Amino acid sequence: MNPPGGETSTPEEVFRGSAEGLELYRAVSTLLAATVPASERITKSQIAFRNRRGFAYVWNPGRYIRSNVPAVLSIVLPRRLDSGRFKEIVHTSPTLWLHHLELRSAADLDAEVAGWLREAYDHAG
């Protein structure tokens, strides 16, 4: 599902030039489908996974900066997770933290990440 009146896209367009990134997006989508009933919204810049609000985003860093990282998974939570796995953590509002996880292989999508995604989904409901 895409935003009404918004610029829509496809996963193939978001990850144009990055077959690895597209495969990682598909791995995130598969993990979420097995965990929570999230919907997707695709724009030109990212793929958002939603409950009532967005809780996770997959995007192609190579579209914005020089990077050899095929995909980034950004997870929105009501608390800061102190894990060395995150490239960056941003306090986006008084009640939300955005955690950026670089994805280099499907092995990065383990049980710990699934737990974070479940928590983010629940909070976005």
PDB file of N, CA and C in Angstrom:
ATOM      1  N   MET A   1       0.845  -1.179   0.000  1.00  0.00           N
ATOM      2  CA  MET A   1       0.000   0.000   0.000  1.00  0.00           C
ATOM      3  C   MET A   1       0.889   1.240   0.000  1.00  0.00           C
ATOM      4  N   ASN A   2       0.560   2.197  -0.784  1.00  0.00           N
ATOM      5  CA  ASN A   2       1.341   3.422  -0.898  1.00  0.00           C
ATOM      6  C   ASN A   2       0.538   4.613  -0.412  1.00  0.00           C
ATOM      7  N   PRO A   3       1.212   5.685  -0.039  1.00  0.00           N
ATOM      8  CA  PRO A   3       0.508   6.850   0.475  1.00  0.00           C
ATOM      9  C   PRO A   3      -0.363   7.494  -0.589  1.00  0.00           C
ATOM     10  N   PRO A   4      -1.588   7.911  -0.220  1.00  0.00           N
ATOM     11  CA  PRO A   4      -2.441   8.583  -1.187  1.00  0.00           C
ATOM     12  C   PRO A   4      -1.794   9.888  -1.633  1.00  0.00           C
ATOM     13  N   GLY A   5      -1.721  10.099  -2.924  1.00  0.00           N
ATOM     14  CA  GLY A   5      -1.162  11.325  -3.450  1.00  0.00           C
ATOM     15  C   GLY A   5       0.347  11.440  -3.329  1.00  0.00           C
ATOM     16  N   GLY A   6       0.991  10.467  -2.668  1.00  0.00           N
ATOM     17  CA  GLY A   6       2.434  10.516  -2.506  1.00  0.00           C
ATOM     18  C   GLY A   6       3.143   9.897  -3.687  1.00  0.00           C
ATOM     19  N   GLU A   7       4.435  10.137  -3.759  1.00  0.00           N
ATOM     20  CA  GLU A   7       5.216   9.525  -4.828  1.00  0.00           C
ATOM     21  C   GLU A   7       5.427   8.061  -4.488  1.00  0.00           C
ATOM     22  N   THR A   8       4.994   7.191  -5.369  1.00  0.00           N
ATOM     23  CA  THR A   8       5.127   5.768  -5.116  1.00  0.00           C
ATOM     24  C   THR A   8       6.276   5.202  -5.920  1.00  0.00           C
ATOM     25  N   SER A   9       6.659   4.028  -5.545  1.00  0.00           N
ATOM     26  CA  SER A   9       7.787   3.382  -6.182  1.00  0.00           C
ATOM     27  C   SER A   9       7.614   1.878  -6.024  1.00  0.00           C
ATOM     28  N   THR A  10       8.661   1.150  -6.361  1.00  0.00           N
ATOM     29  CA  THR A  10       8.706  -0.292  -6.164  1.00  0.00           C
ATOM     30  C   THR A  10      10.000  -0.617  -5.431  1.00  0.00           C
ATOM     31  N   PRO A  11      10.079  -1.784  -4.803  1.00  0.00           N
ATOM     32  CA  PRO A  11      11.346  -2.172  -4.169  1.00  0.00           C
ATOM     33  C   PRO A  11      12.504  -2.177  -5.174  1.00  0.00           C
ATOM     34  N   GLU A  12      12.220  -2.581  -6.408  1.00  0.00           N
ATOM     35  CA  GLU A  12      13.263  -2.618  -7.435  1.00  0.00           C
ATOM     36  C   GLU A  12      13.811  -1.221  -7.736  1.00  0.00           C
ATOM     37  N   GLU A  13      12.941  -0.218  -7.686  1.00  0.00           N
ATOM     38  CA  GLU A  13      13.401   1.159  -7.906  1.00  0.00           C
ATOM     39  C   GLU A  13      14.178   1.692  -6.702  1.00  0.00           C
ATOM     40  N   VAL A  14      13.701   1.390  -5.498  1.00  0.00           N
ATOM     41  CA  VAL A  14      14.409   1.830  -4.288  1.00  0.00           C
ATOM     42  C   VAL A  14      15.825   1.270  -4.284  1.00  0.00           C
ATOM     43  N   PHE A  15      15.973   0.019  -4.701  1.00  0.00           N
ATOM     44  CA  PHE A  15      17.280  -0.645  -4.671  1.00  0.00           C
ATOM     45  C   PHE A  15      17.904  -0.789  -6.053  1.00  0.00           C
ATOM     46  N   ARG A  16      17.565   0.129  -6.961  1.00  0.00           N
ATOM     47  CA  ARG A  16      18.166   0.117  -8.291  1.00  0.00           C
ATOM     48  C   ARG A  16      19.686   0.143  -8.151  1.00  0.00           C
ATOM     49  N   GLY A  17      20.358  -0.780  -8.815  1.00  0.00           N
ATOM     50  CA  GLY A  17      21.813  -0.849  -8.754  1.00  0.00           C
ATOM     51  C   GLY A  17      22.343  -1.637  -7.571  1.00  0.00           C
ATOM     52  N   SER A  18      21.462  -2.180  -6.749  1.00  0.00           N
ATOM     53  CA  SER A  18      21.897  -2.950  -5.589  1.00  0.00           C
ATOM     54  C   SER A  18      21.054  -4.215  -5.450  1.00  0.00           C
ATOM     55  N   ALA A  19      21.441  -5.243  -6.196  1.00  0.00           N
ATOM     56  CA  ALA A  19      20.732  -6.520  -6.104  1.00  0.00           C
ATOM     57  C   ALA A  19      20.813  -7.080  -4.685  1.00  0.00           C
ATOM     58  N   GLU A  20      21.948  -6.872  -4.013  1.00  0.00           N
ATOM     59  CA  GLU A  20      22.095  -7.330  -2.625  1.00  0.00           C
ATOM     60  C   GLU A  20      21.095  -6.613  -1.716  1.00  0.00           C
ATOM     61  N   GLY A  21      20.949  -5.307  -1.920  1.00  0.00           N
ATOM     62  CA  GLY A  21      20.002  -4.535  -1.127  1.00  0.00           C
ATOM     63  C   GLY A  21      18.577  -5.018  -1.318  1.00  0.00           C
ATOM     64  N   LEU A  22      18.212  -5.308  -2.555  1.00  0.00           N
ATOM     65  CA  LEU A  22      16.873  -5.809  -2.843  1.00  0.00           C
ATOM     66  C   LEU A  22      16.644  -7.147  -2.151  1.00  0.00           C
ATOM     67  N   GLU A  23      17.624  -8.023  -2.178  1.00  0.00           N
ATOM     68  CA  GLU A  23      17.504  -9.318  -1.489  1.00  0.00           C
ATOM     69  C   GLU A  23      17.389  -9.127   0.025  1.00  0.00           C
ATOM     70  N   LEU A  24      18.098  -8.151   0.571  1.00  0.00           N
ATOM     71  CA  LEU A  24      18.005  -7.887   2.009  1.00  0.00           C
ATOM     72  C   LEU A  24      16.638  -7.315   2.371  1.00  0.00           C
ATOM     73  N   TYR A  25      16.103  -6.441   1.530  1.00  0.00           N
ATOM     74  CA  TYR A  25      14.733  -5.974   1.760  1.00  0.00           C
ATOM     75  C   TYR A  25      13.780  -7.169   1.805  1.00  0.00           C
ATOM     76  N   ARG A  26      13.924  -8.079   0.847  1.00  0.00           N
ATOM     77  CA  ARG A  26      13.046  -9.264   0.805  1.00  0.00           C
ATOM     78  C   ARG A  26      13.211 -10.115   2.056  1.00  0.00           C
ATOM     79  N   ALA A  27      14.436 -10.214   2.573  1.00  0.00           N
ATOM     80  CA  ALA A  27      14.674 -10.974   3.808  1.00  0.00           C
ATOM     81  C   ALA A  27      13.991 -10.301   4.998  1.00  0.00           C
ATOM     82  N   VAL A  28      14.044  -8.963   5.066  1.00  0.00           N
ATOM     83  CA  VAL A  28      13.348  -8.234   6.137  1.00  0.00           C
ATOM     84  C   VAL A  28      11.849  -8.468   6.014  1.00  0.00           C
ATOM     85  N   SER A  29      11.308  -8.360   4.805  1.00  0.00           N
ATOM     86  CA  SER A  29       9.884  -8.560   4.573  1.00  0.00           C
ATOM     87  C   SER A  29       9.446  -9.969   4.983  1.00  0.00           C
ATOM     88  N   THR A  30      10.260 -10.963   4.663  1.00  0.00           N
ATOM     89  CA  THR A  30       9.957 -12.348   5.034  1.00  0.00           C
ATOM     90  C   THR A  30       9.987 -12.522   6.548  1.00  0.00           C
ATOM     91  N   LEU A  31      10.996 -11.955   7.202  1.00  0.00           N
ATOM     92  CA  LEU A  31      11.092 -12.030   8.665  1.00  0.00           C
ATOM     93  C   LEU A  31       9.861 -11.397   9.309  1.00  0.00           C
ATOM     94  N   LEU A  32       9.472 -10.231   8.836  1.00  0.00           N
ATOM     95  CA  LEU A  32       8.306  -9.558   9.405  1.00  0.00           C
ATOM     96  C   LEU A  32       7.025 -10.339   9.155  1.00  0.00           C
ATOM     97  N   ALA A  33       6.872 -10.905   7.963  1.00  0.00           N
ATOM     98  CA  ALA A  33       5.663 -11.678   7.650  1.00  0.00           C
ATOM     99  C   ALA A  33       5.507 -12.868   8.592  1.00  0.00           C
ATOM    100  N   ALA A  34       6.630 -13.408   9.069  1.00  0.00           N
ATOM    101  CA  ALA A  34       6.589 -14.536   9.992  1.00  0.00           C
ATOM    102  C   ALA A  34       6.400 -14.087  11.441  1.00  0.00           C
ATOM    103  N   THR A  35       6.492 -12.774  11.681  1.00  0.00           N
ATOM    104  CA  THR A  35       6.491 -12.257  13.053  1.00  0.00           C
ATOM    105  C   THR A  35       5.256 -11.420  13.367  1.00  0.00           C
ATOM    106  N   VAL A  36       4.897 -10.492  12.479  1.00  0.00           N
ATOM    107  CA  VAL A  36       3.797  -9.559  12.721  1.00  0.00           C
ATOM    108  C   VAL A  36       3.037  -9.294  11.414  1.00  0.00           C
ATOM    109  N   PRO A  37       1.767  -8.869  11.514  1.00  0.00           N
ATOM    110  CA  PRO A  37       0.995  -8.570  10.295  1.00  0.00           C
ATOM    111  C   PRO A  37       1.183  -7.124   9.824  1.00  0.00           C
ATOM    112  N   ALA A  38       2.389  -6.751   9.501  1.00  0.00           N
ATOM    113  CA  ALA A  38       2.697  -5.383   9.079  1.00  0.00           C
ATOM    114  C   ALA A  38       2.258  -5.146   7.636  1.00  0.00           C
ATOM    115  N   SER A  39       1.945  -3.898   7.345  1.00  0.00           N
ATOM    116  CA  SER A  39       1.707  -3.497   5.959  1.00  0.00           C
ATOM    117  C   SER A  39       2.946  -2.751   5.470  1.00  0.00           C
ATOM    118  N   GLU A  40       3.033  -2.559   4.158  1.00  0.00           N
ATOM    119  CA  GLU A  40       4.168  -1.859   3.562  1.00  0.00           C
ATOM    120  C   GLU A  40       3.695  -0.628   2.812  1.00  0.00           C
ATOM    121  N   ARG A  41       4.509   0.416   2.871  1.00  0.00           N
ATOM    122  CA  ARG A  41       4.323   1.603   2.037  1.00  0.00           C
ATOM    123  C   ARG A  41       5.661   1.895   1.388  1.00  0.00           C
ATOM    124  N   ILE A  42       5.635   2.010   0.092  1.00  0.00           N
ATOM    125  CA  ILE A  42       6.879   2.199  -0.658  1.00  0.00           C
ATOM    126  C   ILE A  42       6.869   3.591  -1.282  1.00  0.00           C
ATOM    127  N   THR A  43       7.929   4.344  -1.008  1.00  0.00           N
ATOM    128  CA  THR A  43       8.120   5.647  -1.641  1.00  0.00           C
ATOM    129  C   THR A  43       9.396   5.564  -2.462  1.00  0.00           C
ATOM    130  N   LYS A  44       9.774   6.656  -3.074  1.00  0.00           N
ATOM    131  CA  LYS A  44      10.994   6.655  -3.884  1.00  0.00           C
ATOM    132  C   LYS A  44      12.242   6.423  -3.045  1.00  0.00           C
ATOM    133  N   SER A  45      12.196   6.741  -1.751  1.00  0.00           N
ATOM    134  CA  SER A  45      13.404   6.673  -0.937  1.00  0.00           C
ATOM    135  C   SER A  45      13.481   5.489   0.004  1.00  0.00           C
ATOM    136  N   GLN A  46      12.359   4.836   0.303  1.00  0.00           N
ATOM    137  CA  GLN A  46      12.401   3.774   1.308  1.00  0.00           C
ATOM    138  C   GLN A  46      11.166   2.895   1.245  1.00  0.00           C
ATOM    139  N   ILE A  47      11.245   1.806   1.991  1.00  0.00           N
ATOM    140  CA  ILE A  47      10.104   0.922   2.169  1.00  0.00           C
ATOM    141  C   ILE A  47       9.782   0.948   3.652  1.00  0.00           C
ATOM    142  N   ALA A  48       8.578   1.412   3.970  1.00  0.00           N
ATOM    143  CA  ALA A  48       8.146   1.526   5.359  1.00  0.00           C
ATOM    144  C   ALA A  48       7.275   0.335   5.718  1.00  0.00           C
ATOM    145  N   PHE A  49       7.532  -0.218   6.894  1.00  0.00           N
ATOM    146  CA  PHE A  49       6.682  -1.262   7.461  1.00  0.00           C
ATOM    147  C   PHE A  49       5.863  -0.601   8.551  1.00  0.00           C
ATOM    148  N   ARG A  50       4.552  -0.873   8.541  1.00  0.00           N
ATOM    149  CA  ARG A  50       3.640  -0.134   9.399  1.00  0.00           C
ATOM    150  C   ARG A  50       2.708  -1.039  10.189  1.00  0.00           C
ATOM    151  N   ASN A  51       2.328  -0.552  11.353  1.00  0.00           N
ATOM    152  CA  ASN A  51       1.175  -1.037  12.086  1.00  0.00           C
ATOM    153  C   ASN A  51       0.166   0.085  11.883  1.00  0.00           C
ATOM    154  N   ARG A  52      -0.165   0.860  12.876  1.00  0.00           N
ATOM    155  CA  ARG A  52      -0.921   2.094  12.620  1.00  0.00           C
ATOM    156  C   ARG A  52       0.025   3.194  12.150  1.00  0.00           C
ATOM    157  N   ARG A  53       1.258   3.150  12.655  1.00  0.00           N
ATOM    158  CA  ARG A  53       2.318   4.087  12.261  1.00  0.00           C
ATOM    159  C   ARG A  53       3.509   3.270  11.773  1.00  0.00           C
ATOM    160  N   GLY A  54       4.422   3.953  11.104  1.00  0.00           N
ATOM    161  CA  GLY A  54       5.638   3.287  10.665  1.00  0.00           C
ATOM    162  C   GLY A  54       6.500   2.888  11.852  1.00  0.00           C
ATOM    163  N   PHE A  55       7.086   1.690  11.768  1.00  0.00           N
ATOM    164  CA  PHE A  55       7.939   1.225  12.849  1.00  0.00           C
ATOM    165  C   PHE A  55       9.297   0.735  12.362  1.00  0.00           C
ATOM    166  N   ALA A  56       9.420   0.491  11.073  1.00  0.00           N
ATOM    167  CA  ALA A  56      10.699   0.041  10.515  1.00  0.00           C
ATOM    168  C   ALA A  56      10.764   0.487   9.050  1.00  0.00           C
ATOM    169  N   TYR A  57      11.975   0.795   8.625  1.00  0.00           N
ATOM    170  CA  TYR A  57      12.196   1.306   7.276  1.00  0.00           C
ATOM    171  C   TYR A  57      13.441   0.647   6.698  1.00  0.00           C
ATOM    172  N   VAL A  58      13.361   0.224   5.445  1.00  0.00           N
ATOM    173  CA  VAL A  58      14.527  -0.318   4.749  1.00  0.00           C
ATOM    174  C   VAL A  58      14.848   0.644   3.610  1.00  0.00           C
ATOM    175  N   TRP A  59      16.115   1.004   3.497  1.00  0.00           N
ATOM    176  CA  TRP A  59      16.503   1.958   2.466  1.00  0.00           C
ATOM    177  C   TRP A  59      17.902   1.653   1.961  1.00  0.00           C
ATOM    178  N   ASN A  60      18.195   2.259   0.818  1.00  0.00           N
ATOM    179  CA  ASN A  60      19.446   2.029   0.104  1.00  0.00           C
ATOM    180  C   ASN A  60      20.393   3.198   0.380  1.00  0.00           C
ATOM    181  N   PRO A  61      21.389   3.018   1.238  1.00  0.00           N
ATOM    182  CA  PRO A  61      22.277   4.145   1.564  1.00  0.00           C
ATOM    183  C   PRO A  61      23.083   4.645   0.371  1.00  0.00           C
ATOM    184  N   GLY A  62      23.336   3.782  -0.608  1.00  0.00           N
ATOM    185  CA  GLY A  62      24.099   4.165  -1.782  1.00  0.00           C
ATOM    186  C   GLY A  62      23.431   5.239  -2.625  1.00  0.00           C
ATOM    187  N   ARG A  63      22.144   5.461  -2.413  1.00  0.00           N
ATOM    188  CA  ARG A  63      21.429   6.528  -3.134  1.00  0.00           C
ATOM    189  C   ARG A  63      21.766   7.906  -2.575  1.00  0.00           C
ATOM    190  N   TYR A  64      22.318   7.958  -1.357  1.00  0.00           N
ATOM    191  CA  TYR A  64      22.516   9.231  -0.671  1.00  0.00           C
ATOM    192  C   TYR A  64      23.972   9.537  -0.334  1.00  0.00           C
ATOM    193  N   ILE A  65      24.740   8.491  -0.076  1.00  0.00           N
ATOM    194  CA  ILE A  65      26.142   8.667   0.308  1.00  0.00           C
ATOM    195  C   ILE A  65      26.975   7.587  -0.365  1.00  0.00           C
ATOM    196  N   ARG A  66      28.268   7.805  -0.423  1.00  0.00           N
ATOM    197  CA  ARG A  66      29.159   6.767  -0.941  1.00  0.00           C
ATOM    198  C   ARG A  66      29.218   5.669   0.129  1.00  0.00           C
ATOM    199  N   SER A  67      28.743   4.481  -0.222  1.00  0.00           N
ATOM    200  CA  SER A  67      28.634   3.407   0.769  1.00  0.00           C
ATOM    201  C   SER A  67      28.697   2.057   0.076  1.00  0.00           C
ATOM    202  N   ASN A  68      29.316   1.105   0.752  1.00  0.00           N
ATOM    203  CA  ASN A  68      29.315  -0.273   0.260  1.00  0.00           C
ATOM    204  C   ASN A  68      28.314  -1.127   1.040  1.00  0.00           C
ATOM    205  N   VAL A  69      27.480  -0.492   1.842  1.00  0.00           N
ATOM    206  CA  VAL A  69      26.440  -1.187   2.610  1.00  0.00           C
ATOM    207  C   VAL A  69      25.222  -1.347   1.696  1.00  0.00           C
ATOM    208  N   PRO A  70      24.741  -2.578   1.488  1.00  0.00           N
ATOM    209  CA  PRO A  70      23.637  -2.783   0.542  1.00  0.00           C
ATOM    210  C   PRO A  70      22.280  -2.263   1.022  1.00  0.00           C
ATOM    211  N   ALA A  71      22.043  -2.267   2.356  1.00  0.00           N
ATOM    212  CA  ALA A  71      20.748  -1.818   2.877  1.00  0.00           C
ATOM    213  C   ALA A  71      20.902  -1.413   4.336  1.00  0.00           C
ATOM    214  N   VAL A  72      20.030  -0.512   4.750  1.00  0.00           N
ATOM    215  CA  VAL A  72      19.946  -0.123   6.155  1.00  0.00           C
ATOM    216  C   VAL A  72      18.523  -0.391   6.620  1.00  0.00           C
ATOM    217  N   LEU A  73      18.408  -0.985   7.813  1.00  0.00           N
ATOM    218  CA  LEU A  73      17.125  -1.191   8.469  1.00  0.00           C
ATOM    219  C   LEU A  73      17.061  -0.202   9.626  1.00  0.00           C
ATOM    220  N   SER A  74      16.084   0.701   9.578  1.00  0.00           N
ATOM    221  CA  SER A  74      15.897   1.685  10.641  1.00  0.00           C
ATOM    222  C   SER A  74      14.681   1.274  11.457  1.00  0.00           C
ATOM    223  N   ILE A  75      14.864   1.137  12.768  1.00  0.00           N
ATOM    224  CA  ILE A  75      13.830   0.642  13.674  1.00  0.00           C
ATOM    225  C   ILE A  75      13.459   1.746  14.650  1.00  0.00           C
ATOM    226  N   VAL A  76      12.158   2.033  14.765  1.00  0.00           N
ATOM    227  CA  VAL A  76      11.655   3.078  15.654  1.00  0.00           C
ATOM    228  C   VAL A  76      11.177   2.449  16.960  1.00  0.00           C
ATOM    229  N   LEU A  77      11.744   2.921  18.072  1.00  0.00           N
ATOM    230  CA  LEU A  77      11.369   2.402  19.381  1.00  0.00           C
ATOM    231  C   LEU A  77      11.166   3.541  20.380  1.00  0.00           C
ATOM    232  N   PRO A  78      10.411   3.273  21.451  1.00  0.00           N
ATOM    233  CA  PRO A  78      10.184   4.305  22.463  1.00  0.00           C
ATOM    234  C   PRO A  78      11.339   4.415  23.461  1.00  0.00           C
ATOM    235  N   ARG A  79      12.408   3.697  23.210  1.00  0.00           N
ATOM    236  CA  ARG A  79      13.573   3.718  24.102  1.00  0.00           C
ATOM    237  C   ARG A  79      14.836   3.543  23.277  1.00  0.00           C
ATOM    238  N   ARG A  80      15.930   3.961  23.854  1.00  0.00           N
ATOM    239  CA  ARG A  80      17.228   3.784  23.206  1.00  0.00           C
ATOM    240  C   ARG A  80      17.738   2.377  23.522  1.00  0.00           C
ATOM    241  N   LEU A  81      18.126   1.658  22.469  1.00  0.00           N
ATOM    242  CA  LEU A  81      18.755   0.348  22.646  1.00  0.00           C
ATOM    243  C   LEU A  81      20.259   0.547  22.591  1.00  0.00           C
ATOM    244  N   ASP A  82      20.934   0.166  23.618  1.00  0.00           N
ATOM    245  CA  ASP A  82      22.387   0.293  23.622  1.00  0.00           C
ATOM    246  C   ASP A  82      22.997  -1.008  23.116  1.00  0.00           C
ATOM    247  N   SER A  83      23.207  -1.044  21.817  1.00  0.00           N
ATOM    248  CA  SER A  83      23.801  -2.208  21.168  1.00  0.00           C
ATOM    249  C   SER A  83      24.853  -1.715  20.183  1.00  0.00           C
ATOM    250  N   GLY A  84      25.987  -2.362  20.198  1.00  0.00           N
ATOM    251  CA  GLY A  84      27.044  -2.030  19.255  1.00  0.00           C
ATOM    252  C   GLY A  84      26.694  -2.379  17.822  1.00  0.00           C
ATOM    253  N   ARG A  85      25.564  -3.030  17.618  1.00  0.00           N
ATOM    254  CA  ARG A  85      25.152  -3.408  16.265  1.00  0.00           C
ATOM    255  C   ARG A  85      24.661  -2.217  15.455  1.00  0.00           C
ATOM    256  N   PHE A  86      24.259  -1.143  16.127  1.00  0.00           N
ATOM    257  CA  PHE A  86      23.705   0.002  15.418  1.00  0.00           C
ATOM    258  C   PHE A  86      24.797   0.942  14.943  1.00  0.00           C
ATOM    259  N   LYS A  87      24.671   1.388  13.695  1.00  0.00           N
ATOM    260  CA  LYS A  87      25.595   2.362  13.113  1.00  0.00           C
ATOM    261  C   LYS A  87      25.349   3.741  13.721  1.00  0.00           C
ATOM    262  N   GLU A  88      24.063   4.054  13.939  1.00  0.00           N
ATOM    263  CA  GLU A  88      23.687   5.351  14.484  1.00  0.00           C
ATOM    264  C   GLU A  88      22.351   5.216  15.205  1.00  0.00           C
ATOM    265  N   ILE A  89      22.182   5.988  16.268  1.00  0.00           N
ATOM    266  CA  ILE A  89      20.923   6.059  16.998  1.00  0.00           C
ATOM    267  C   ILE A  89      20.563   7.538  17.106  1.00  0.00           C
ATOM    268  N   VAL A  90      19.342   7.876  16.692  1.00  0.00           N
ATOM    269  CA  VAL A  90      18.909   9.272  16.664  1.00  0.00           C
ATOM    270  C   VAL A  90      17.655   9.426  17.519  1.00  0.00           C
ATOM    271  N   HIS A  91      17.650  10.413  18.387  1.00  0.00           N
ATOM    272  CA  HIS A  91      16.476  10.728  19.210  1.00  0.00           C
ATOM    273  C   HIS A  91      15.606  11.684  18.393  1.00  0.00           C
ATOM    274  N   THR A  92      14.641  11.146  17.669  1.00  0.00           N
ATOM    275  CA  THR A  92      13.889  11.922  16.684  1.00  0.00           C
ATOM    276  C   THR A  92      12.775  12.767  17.280  1.00  0.00           C
ATOM    277  N   SER A  93      12.311  12.410  18.462  1.00  0.00           N
ATOM    278  CA  SER A  93      11.276  13.176  19.160  1.00  0.00           C
ATOM    279  C   SER A  93      11.414  12.858  20.643  1.00  0.00           C
ATOM    280  N   PRO A  94      10.683  13.561  21.500  1.00  0.00           N
ATOM    281  CA  PRO A  94      10.814  13.288  22.933  1.00  0.00           C
ATOM    282  C   PRO A  94      10.492  11.844  23.320  1.00  0.00           C
ATOM    283  N   THR A  95       9.731  11.139  22.467  1.00  0.00           N
ATOM    284  CA  THR A  95       9.315   9.783  22.832  1.00  0.00           C
ATOM    285  C   THR A  95       9.805   8.693  21.888  1.00  0.00           C
ATOM    286  N   LEU A  96      10.611   9.052  20.868  1.00  0.00           N
ATOM    287  CA  LEU A  96      11.033   8.041  19.893  1.00  0.00           C
ATOM    288  C   LEU A  96      12.527   8.084  19.615  1.00  0.00           C
ATOM    289  N   TRP A  97      13.079   6.895  19.414  1.00  0.00           N
ATOM    290  CA  TRP A  97      14.481   6.713  19.020  1.00  0.00           C
ATOM    291  C   TRP A  97      14.497   5.937  17.717  1.00  0.00           C
ATOM    292  N   LEU A  98      15.345   6.362  16.785  1.00  0.00           N
ATOM    293  CA  LEU A  98      15.498   5.686  15.498  1.00  0.00           C
ATOM    294  C   LEU A  98      16.874   5.023  15.482  1.00  0.00           C
ATOM    295  N   HIS A  99      16.879   3.701  15.333  1.00  0.00           N
ATOM    296  CA  HIS A  99      18.094   2.887  15.392  1.00  0.00           C
ATOM    297  C   HIS A  99      18.433   2.393  13.986  1.00  0.00           C
ATOM    298  N   HIS A 100      19.613   2.755  13.477  1.00  0.00           N
ATOM    299  CA  HIS A 100      20.027   2.386  12.123  1.00  0.00           C
ATOM    300  C   HIS A 100      20.962   1.174  12.169  1.00  0.00           C
ATOM    301  N   LEU A 101      20.512   0.093  11.552  1.00  0.00           N
ATOM    302  CA  LEU A 101      21.260  -1.158  11.506  1.00  0.00           C
ATOM    303  C   LEU A 101      21.703  -1.408  10.062  1.00  0.00           C
ATOM    304  N   GLU A 102      23.004  -1.440   9.826  1.00  0.00           N
ATOM    305  CA  GLU A 102      23.504  -1.758   8.492  1.00  0.00           C
ATOM    306  C   GLU A 102      23.318  -3.246   8.233  1.00  0.00           C
ATOM    307  N   LEU A 103      22.759  -3.559   7.080  1.00  0.00           N
ATOM    308  CA  LEU A 103      22.563  -4.955   6.688  1.00  0.00           C
ATOM    309  C   LEU A 103      23.548  -5.298   5.581  1.00  0.00           C
ATOM    310  N   ARG A 104      24.345  -6.316   5.844  1.00  0.00           N
ATOM    311  CA  ARG A 104      25.308  -6.784   4.852  1.00  0.00           C
ATOM    312  C   ARG A 104      24.979  -8.188   4.352  1.00  0.00           C
ATOM    313  N   SER A 105      24.226  -8.929   5.166  1.00  0.00           N
ATOM    314  CA  SER A 105      23.772 -10.264   4.755  1.00  0.00           C
ATOM    315  C   SER A 105      22.508 -10.606   5.528  1.00  0.00           C
ATOM    316  N   ALA A 106      21.782 -11.607   5.042  1.00  0.00           N
ATOM    317  CA  ALA A 106      20.556 -12.035   5.710  1.00  0.00           C
ATOM    318  C   ALA A 106      20.847 -12.556   7.113  1.00  0.00           C
ATOM    319  N   ALA A 107      22.078 -12.985   7.370  1.00  0.00           N
ATOM    320  CA  ALA A 107      22.454 -13.458   8.712  1.00  0.00           C
ATOM    321  C   ALA A 107      22.349 -12.342   9.752  1.00  0.00           C
ATOM    322  N   ASP A 108      22.356 -11.079   9.306  1.00  0.00           N
ATOM    323  CA  ASP A 108      22.190  -9.959  10.239  1.00  0.00           C
ATOM    324  C   ASP A 108      20.772  -9.908  10.812  1.00  0.00           C
ATOM    325  N   LEU A 109      19.844 -10.600  10.181  1.00  0.00           N
ATOM    326  CA  LEU A 109      18.440 -10.600  10.609  1.00  0.00           C
ATOM    327  C   LEU A 109      18.170 -11.805  11.503  1.00  0.00           C
ATOM    328  N   ASP A 110      18.667 -11.727  12.725  1.00  0.00           N
ATOM    329  CA  ASP A 110      18.586 -12.840  13.658  1.00  0.00           C
ATOM    330  C   ASP A 110      17.444 -12.649  14.667  1.00  0.00           C
ATOM    331  N   ALA A 111      17.398 -13.512  15.678  1.00  0.00           N
ATOM    332  CA  ALA A 111      16.334 -13.470  16.681  1.00  0.00           C
ATOM    333  C   ALA A 111      16.337 -12.155  17.456  1.00  0.00           C
ATOM    334  N   GLU A 112      17.495 -11.581  17.686  1.00  0.00           N
ATOM    335  CA  GLU A 112      17.567 -10.303  18.399  1.00  0.00           C
ATOM    336  C   GLU A 112      16.858  -9.205  17.588  1.00  0.00           C
ATOM    337  N   VAL A 113      17.143  -9.141  16.295  1.00  0.00           N
ATOM    338  CA  VAL A 113      16.506  -8.154  15.424  1.00  0.00           C
ATOM    339  C   VAL A 113      15.002  -8.415  15.346  1.00  0.00           C
ATOM    340  N   ALA A 114      14.598  -9.672  15.257  1.00  0.00           N
ATOM    341  CA  ALA A 114      13.172 -10.006  15.226  1.00  0.00           C
ATOM    342  C   ALA A 114      12.478  -9.506  16.489  1.00  0.00           C
ATOM    343  N   GLY A 115      13.132  -9.622  17.634  1.00  0.00           N
ATOM    344  CA  GLY A 115      12.570  -9.115  18.888  1.00  0.00           C
ATOM    345  C   GLY A 115      12.423  -7.604  18.876  1.00  0.00           C
ATOM    346  N   TRP A 116      13.424  -6.909  18.358  1.00  0.00           N
ATOM    347  CA  TRP A 116      13.345  -5.447  18.257  1.00  0.00           C
ATOM    348  C   TRP A 116      12.198  -5.030  17.337  1.00  0.00           C
ATOM    349  N   LEU A 117      12.047  -5.749  16.220  1.00  0.00           N
ATOM    350  CA  LEU A 117      10.977  -5.439  15.278  1.00  0.00           C
ATOM    351  C   LEU A 117       9.603  -5.693  15.895  1.00  0.00           C
ATOM    352  N   ARG A 118       9.479  -6.747  16.668  1.00  0.00           N
ATOM    353  CA  ARG A 118       8.207  -7.054  17.351  1.00  0.00           C
ATOM    354  C   ARG A 118       7.868  -5.931  18.332  1.00  0.00           C
ATOM    355  N   GLU A 119       8.853  -5.489  19.103  1.00  0.00           N
ATOM    356  CA  GLU A 119       8.643  -4.393  20.052  1.00  0.00           C
ATOM    357  C   GLU A 119       8.239  -3.116  19.306  1.00  0.00           C
ATOM    358  N   ALA A 120       8.922  -2.819  18.215  1.00  0.00           N
ATOM    359  CA  ALA A 120       8.610  -1.623  17.437  1.00  0.00           C
ATOM    360  C   ALA A 120       7.194  -1.703  16.863  1.00  0.00           C
ATOM    361  N   TYR A 121       6.822  -2.854  16.335  1.00  0.00           N
ATOM    362  CA  TYR A 121       5.472  -3.065  15.789  1.00  0.00           C
ATOM    363  C   TYR A 121       4.419  -2.832  16.866  1.00  0.00           C
ATOM    364  N   ASP A 122       4.619  -3.436  18.028  1.00  0.00           N
ATOM    365  CA  ASP A 122       3.666  -3.303  19.123  1.00  0.00           C
ATOM    366  C   ASP A 122       3.509  -1.844  19.539  1.00  0.00           C
ATOM    367  N   HIS A 123       4.604  -1.117  19.593  1.00  0.00           N
ATOM    368  CA  HIS A 123       4.546   0.279  19.999  1.00  0.00           C
ATOM    369  C   HIS A 123       3.862   1.150  18.947  1.00  0.00           C
ATOM    370  N   ALA A 124       3.920   0.766  17.693  1.00  0.00           N
ATOM    371  CA  ALA A 124       3.332   1.559  16.605  1.00  0.00           C
ATOM    372  C   ALA A 124       1.837   1.286  16.408  1.00  0.00           C
ATOM    373  N   GLY A 125       1.261   0.442  17.246  1.00  0.00           N
ATOM    374  CA  GLY A 125      -0.144   0.047  17.081  1.00  0.00           C
ATOM    375  C   GLY A 125      -1.147   0.966  17.690  1.00  0.00           C
TER     376      GLY A 125
END
